[in-house]
C-alpha cells in the first residue's frame, strides 16, 4: 500500500494484493491479484493538524 498526500485534502492511493479465488478455494486455481489506484478527496481533512504526517 502506498498513500501520497497531494495537498488540499487530496491523496493518491495505490494498493495491491493477492487472494485465493473465491470460487475455487481449494487451491486448485492460482491466486487472484487485486489492484486499486486512484486519487481520493477527504472533505474533512484538517491540513493544519501536524499529526496527519503531511
PDB file of N, CA and C in Angstrom:
ATOM      1  N   UNK A   1       0.849  -1.163   0.000  1.00  0.00           N
ATOM      2  CA  UNK A   1       0.000   0.000   0.000  1.00  0.00           C
ATOM      3  C   UNK A   1       0.897   1.229   0.000  1.00  0.00           C
ATOM      4  N   UNK A   2       0.498   2.208  -0.780  1.00  0.00           N
ATOM      5  CA  UNK A   2       1.214   3.483  -0.810  1.00  0.00           C
ATOM      6  C   UNK A   2       0.175   4.596  -0.824  1.00  0.00           C
ATOM      7  N   UNK A   3       0.320   5.542   0.083  1.00  0.00           N
ATOM      8  CA  UNK A   3      -0.565   6.706   0.154  1.00  0.00           C
ATOM      9  C   UNK A   3       0.309   7.945   0.098  1.00  0.00           C
ATOM     10  N   UNK A   4      -0.004   8.830  -0.843  1.00  0.00           N
ATOM     11  CA  UNK A   4       0.762  10.055  -1.012  1.00  0.00           C
ATOM     12  C   UNK A   4      -0.179  11.250  -0.901  1.00  0.00           C
ATOM     13  N   UNK A   5       0.131  12.160   0.003  1.00  0.00           N
ATOM     14  CA  UNK A   5      -0.678  13.366   0.165  1.00  0.00           C
ATOM     15  C   UNK A   5      -0.322  14.356  -0.935  1.00  0.00           C
ATOM     16  N   UNK A   6      -1.331  14.807  -1.686  1.00  0.00           N
ATOM     17  CA  UNK A   6      -1.107  15.725  -2.801  1.00  0.00           C
ATOM     18  C   UNK A   6      -1.383  17.179  -2.434  1.00  0.00           C
ATOM     19  N   UNK A   7      -2.053  17.396  -1.293  1.00  0.00           N
ATOM     20  CA  UNK A   7      -2.378  18.754  -0.861  1.00  0.00           C
ATOM     21  C   UNK A   7      -3.872  19.027  -0.953  1.00  0.00           C
ATOM     22  N   UNK A   8      -4.346  19.958  -0.148  1.00  0.00           N
ATOM     23  CA  UNK A   8      -5.748  20.383  -0.146  1.00  0.00           C
ATOM     24  C   UNK A   8      -6.726  19.231   0.050  1.00  0.00           C
ATOM     25  N   UNK A   9      -6.342  18.243   0.845  1.00  0.00           N
ATOM     26  CA  UNK A   9      -7.236  17.123   1.134  1.00  0.00           C
ATOM     27  C   UNK A   9      -7.219  16.003   0.110  1.00  0.00           C
ATOM     28  N   UNK A  10      -6.367  16.095  -0.928  1.00  0.00           N
ATOM     29  CA  UNK A  10      -6.289  15.057  -1.959  1.00  0.00           C
ATOM     30  C   UNK A  10      -5.154  14.085  -1.660  1.00  0.00           C
ATOM     31  N   UNK A  11      -5.433  12.797  -1.847  1.00  0.00           N
ATOM     32  CA  UNK A  11      -4.461  11.734  -1.644  1.00  0.00           C
ATOM     33  C   UNK A  11      -4.450  10.833  -2.869  1.00  0.00           C
ATOM     34  N   UNK A  12      -3.271  10.347  -3.224  1.00  0.00           N
ATOM     35  CA  UNK A  12      -3.160   9.322  -4.265  1.00  0.00           C
ATOM     36  C   UNK A  12      -2.903   8.004  -3.550  1.00  0.00           C
ATOM     37  N   UNK A  13      -3.733   7.006  -3.821  1.00  0.00           N
ATOM     38  CA  UNK A  13      -3.648   5.714  -3.140  1.00  0.00           C
ATOM     39  C   UNK A  13      -3.353   4.627  -4.169  1.00  0.00           C
ATOM     40  N   UNK A  14      -2.393   3.771  -3.821  1.00  0.00           N
ATOM     41  CA  UNK A  14      -2.102   2.594  -4.643  1.00  0.00           C
ATOM     42  C   UNK A  14      -2.034   1.398  -3.699  1.00  0.00           C
ATOM     43  N   UNK A  15      -2.888   0.420  -3.952  1.00  0.00           N
ATOM     44  CA  UNK A  15      -2.981  -0.762  -3.096  1.00  0.00           C
ATOM     45  C   UNK A  15      -3.062  -1.983  -3.982  1.00  0.00           C
ATOM     46  N   UNK A  16      -2.329  -3.028  -3.625  1.00  0.00           N
ATOM     47  CA  UNK A  16      -2.403  -4.275  -4.382  1.00  0.00           C
ATOM     48  C   UNK A  16      -2.203  -5.451  -3.432  1.00  0.00           C
ATOM     49  N   UNK A  17      -2.695  -6.597  -3.853  1.00  0.00           N
ATOM     50  CA  UNK A  17      -2.552  -7.786  -3.039  1.00  0.00           C
ATOM     51  C   UNK A  17      -3.007  -9.022  -3.801  1.00  0.00           C
ATOM     52  N   UNK A  18      -2.834 -10.166  -3.174  1.00  0.00           N
ATOM     53  CA  UNK A  18      -3.244 -11.439  -3.747  1.00  0.00           C
ATOM     54  C   UNK A  18      -4.257 -12.096  -2.826  1.00  0.00           C
ATOM     55  N   UNK A  19      -5.218 -12.795  -3.426  1.00  0.00           N
ATOM     56  CA  UNK A  19      -6.195 -13.537  -2.643  1.00  0.00           C
ATOM     57  C   UNK A  19      -6.555 -14.831  -3.364  1.00  0.00           C
ATOM     58  N   UNK A  20      -7.041 -15.760  -2.612  1.00  0.00           N
ATOM     59  CA  UNK A  20      -7.479 -17.031  -3.181  1.00  0.00           C
ATOM     60  C   UNK A  20      -8.750 -16.789  -4.006  1.00  0.00           C
ATOM     61  N   UNK A  21      -8.893 -17.485  -5.122  1.00  0.00           N
ATOM     62  CA  UNK A  21     -10.101 -17.397  -5.941  1.00  0.00           C
ATOM     63  C   UNK A  21     -11.298 -17.855  -5.104  1.00  0.00           C
ATOM     64  N   UNK A  22     -12.309 -16.997  -4.959  1.00  0.00           N
ATOM     65  CA  UNK A  22     -13.450 -17.316  -4.085  1.00  0.00           C
ATOM     66  C   UNK A  22     -14.292 -18.476  -4.617  1.00  0.00           C
ATOM     67  N   UNK A  23     -14.206 -18.767  -5.906  1.00  0.00           N
ATOM     68  CA  UNK A  23     -14.958 -19.882  -6.474  1.00  0.00           C
ATOM     69  C   UNK A  23     -14.201 -21.206  -6.394  1.00  0.00           C
ATOM     70  N   UNK A  24     -12.883 -21.127  -6.193  1.00  0.00           N
ATOM     71  CA  UNK A  24     -12.039 -22.322  -6.126  1.00  0.00           C
ATOM     72  C   UNK A  24     -11.124 -22.202  -4.914  1.00  0.00           C
ATOM     73  N   UNK A  25     -11.700 -22.229  -3.743  1.00  0.00           N
ATOM     74  CA  UNK A  25     -10.949 -22.004  -2.511  1.00  0.00           C
ATOM     75  C   UNK A  25     -10.170 -23.231  -2.042  1.00  0.00           C
ATOM     76  N   UNK A  26     -10.125 -24.258  -2.877  1.00  0.00           N
ATOM     77  CA  UNK A  26      -9.354 -25.462  -2.526  1.00  0.00           C
ATOM     78  C   UNK A  26      -7.903 -25.374  -2.993  1.00  0.00           C
ATOM     79  N   UNK A  27      -7.530 -24.233  -3.587  1.00  0.00           N
ATOM     80  CA  UNK A  27      -6.158 -24.050  -4.041  1.00  0.00           C
ATOM     81  C   UNK A  27      -5.889 -24.582  -5.433  1.00  0.00           C
ATOM     82  N   UNK A  28      -6.936 -25.034  -6.148  1.00  0.00           N
ATOM     83  CA  UNK A  28      -6.738 -25.601  -7.478  1.00  0.00           C
ATOM     84  C   UNK A  28      -6.535 -24.542  -8.561  1.00  0.00           C
ATOM     85  N   UNK A  29      -6.788 -23.290  -8.254  1.00  0.00           N
ATOM     86  CA  UNK A  29      -6.584 -22.184  -9.202  1.00  0.00           C
ATOM     87  C   UNK A  29      -5.552 -21.222  -8.629  1.00  0.00           C
ATOM     88  N   UNK A  30      -4.837 -20.505  -9.497  1.00  0.00           N
ATOM     89  CA  UNK A  30      -3.850 -19.540  -8.985  1.00  0.00           C
ATOM     90  C   UNK A  30      -4.547 -18.388  -8.245  1.00  0.00           C
ATOM     91  N   UNK A  31      -3.789 -17.746  -7.358  1.00  0.00           N
ATOM     92  CA  UNK A  31      -4.321 -16.594  -6.629  1.00  0.00           C
ATOM     93  C   UNK A  31      -4.753 -15.493  -7.597  1.00  0.00           C
ATOM     94  N   UNK A  32      -5.717 -14.708  -7.171  1.00  0.00           N
ATOM     95  CA  UNK A  32      -6.207 -13.570  -7.938  1.00  0.00           C
ATOM     96  C   UNK A  32      -5.520 -12.314  -7.439  1.00  0.00           C
ATOM     97  N   UNK A  33      -5.040 -11.503  -8.356  1.00  0.00           N
ATOM     98  CA  UNK A  33      -4.378 -10.244  -7.993  1.00  0.00           C
ATOM     99  C   UNK A  33      -5.425  -9.135  -7.978  1.00  0.00           C
ATOM    100  N   UNK A  34      -5.437  -8.364  -6.901  1.00  0.00           N
ATOM    101  CA  UNK A  34      -6.331  -7.214  -6.766  1.00  0.00           C
ATOM    102  C   UNK A  34      -5.490  -5.946  -6.776  1.00  0.00           C
ATOM    103  N   UNK A  35      -5.968  -4.920  -7.498  1.00  0.00           N
ATOM    104  CA  UNK A  35      -5.254  -3.648  -7.549  1.00  0.00           C
ATOM    105  C   UNK A  35      -6.243  -2.501  -7.477  1.00  0.00           C
ATOM    106  N   UNK A  36      -5.874  -1.488  -6.729  1.00  0.00           N
ATOM    107  CA  UNK A  36      -6.673  -0.265  -6.616  1.00  0.00           C
ATOM    108  C   UNK A  36      -5.712   0.900  -6.708  1.00  0.00           C
ATOM    109  N   UNK A  37      -6.007   1.824  -7.587  1.00  0.00           N
ATOM    110  CA  UNK A  37      -5.182   3.030  -7.695  1.00  0.00           C
ATOM    111  C   UNK A  37      -6.087   4.187  -8.064  1.00  0.00           C
ATOM    112  N   UNK A  38      -5.928   5.289  -7.356  1.00  0.00           N
ATOM    113  CA  UNK A  38      -6.739   6.449  -7.677  1.00  0.00           C
ATOM    114  C   UNK A  38      -6.476   7.605  -6.748  1.00  0.00           C
ATOM    115  N   UNK A  39      -7.088   8.727  -7.082  1.00  0.00           N
ATOM    116  CA  UNK A  39      -6.997   9.931  -6.271  1.00  0.00           C
ATOM    117  C   UNK A  39      -8.289  10.072  -5.482  1.00  0.00           C
ATOM    118  N   UNK A  40      -8.138  10.384  -4.209  1.00  0.00           N
ATOM    119  CA  UNK A  40      -9.284  10.492  -3.316  1.00  0.00           C
ATOM    120  C   UNK A  40      -9.236  11.826  -2.592  1.00  0.00           C
ATOM    121  N   UNK A  41     -10.404  12.372  -2.336  1.00  0.00           N
ATOM    122  CA  UNK A  41     -10.535  13.645  -1.637  1.00  0.00           C
ATOM    123  C   UNK A  41     -11.234  13.411  -0.307  1.00  0.00           C
ATOM    124  N   UNK A  42     -10.610  13.882   0.762  1.00  0.00           N
ATOM    125  CA  UNK A  42     -11.202  13.808   2.085  1.00  0.00           C
ATOM    126  C   UNK A  42     -11.659  15.213   2.461  1.00  0.00           C
ATOM    127  N   UNK A  43     -12.966  15.439   2.397  1.00  0.00           N
ATOM    128  CA  UNK A  43     -13.541  16.767   2.592  1.00  0.00           C
ATOM    129  C   UNK A  43     -13.251  17.331   3.976  1.00  0.00           C
ATOM    130  N   UNK A  44     -13.109  16.483   4.986  1.00  0.00           N
ATOM    131  CA  UNK A  44     -12.910  16.981   6.337  1.00  0.00           C
ATOM    132  C   UNK A  44     -11.481  16.769   6.825  1.00  0.00           C
ATOM    133  N   UNK A  45     -10.525  16.690   5.918  1.00  0.00           N
ATOM    134  CA  UNK A  45      -9.124  16.530   6.286  1.00  0.00           C
ATOM    135  C   UNK A  45      -8.592  17.867   6.771  1.00  0.00           C
ATOM    136  N   UNK A  46      -8.070  17.897   7.983  1.00  0.00           N
ATOM    137  CA  UNK A  46      -7.581  19.127   8.603  1.00  0.00           C
ATOM    138  C   UNK A  46      -6.107  19.299   8.276  1.00  0.00           C
ATOM    139  N   UNK A  47      -5.800  20.138   7.294  1.00  0.00           N
ATOM    140  CA  UNK A  47      -4.401  20.336   6.865  1.00  0.00           C
ATOM    141  C   UNK A  47      -3.598  21.100   7.893  1.00  0.00           C
ATOM    142  N   UNK A  48      -4.230  21.705   8.888  1.00  0.00           N
ATOM    143  CA  UNK A  48      -3.489  22.440   9.908  1.00  0.00           C
ATOM    144  C   UNK A  48      -3.027  21.547  11.049  1.00  0.00           C
ATOM    145  N   UNK A  49      -3.426  20.276  11.053  1.00  0.00           N
ATOM    146  CA  UNK A  49      -3.075  19.352  12.133  1.00  0.00           C
ATOM    147  C   UNK A  49      -1.781  18.619  11.773  1.00  0.00           C
ATOM    148  N   UNK A  50      -0.673  18.903  12.472  1.00  0.00           N
ATOM    149  CA  UNK A  50       0.608  18.264  12.111  1.00  0.00           C
ATOM    150  C   UNK A  50       0.623  16.761  12.358  1.00  0.00           C
ATOM    151  N   UNK A  51      -0.312  16.230  13.103  1.00  0.00           N
ATOM    152  CA  UNK A  51      -0.321  14.780  13.370  1.00  0.00           C
ATOM    153  C   UNK A  51      -0.747  13.976  12.147  1.00  0.00           C
ATOM    154  N   UNK A  52      -1.203  14.628  11.076  1.00  0.00           N
ATOM    155  CA  UNK A  52      -1.612  13.907   9.864  1.00  0.00           C
ATOM    156  C   UNK A  52      -0.414  13.484   9.019  1.00  0.00           C
ATOM    157  N   UNK A  53       0.789  13.911   9.399  1.00  0.00           N
ATOM    158  CA  UNK A  53       2.001  13.439   8.710  1.00  0.00           C
ATOM    159  C   UNK A  53       2.130  13.918   7.284  1.00  0.00           C
ATOM    160  N   UNK A  54       1.832  15.174   7.030  1.00  0.00           N
ATOM    161  CA  UNK A  54       1.947  15.708   5.672  1.00  0.00           C
ATOM    162  C   UNK A  54       3.355  15.665   5.182  1.00  0.00           C
TER     163      UNK A  54
END
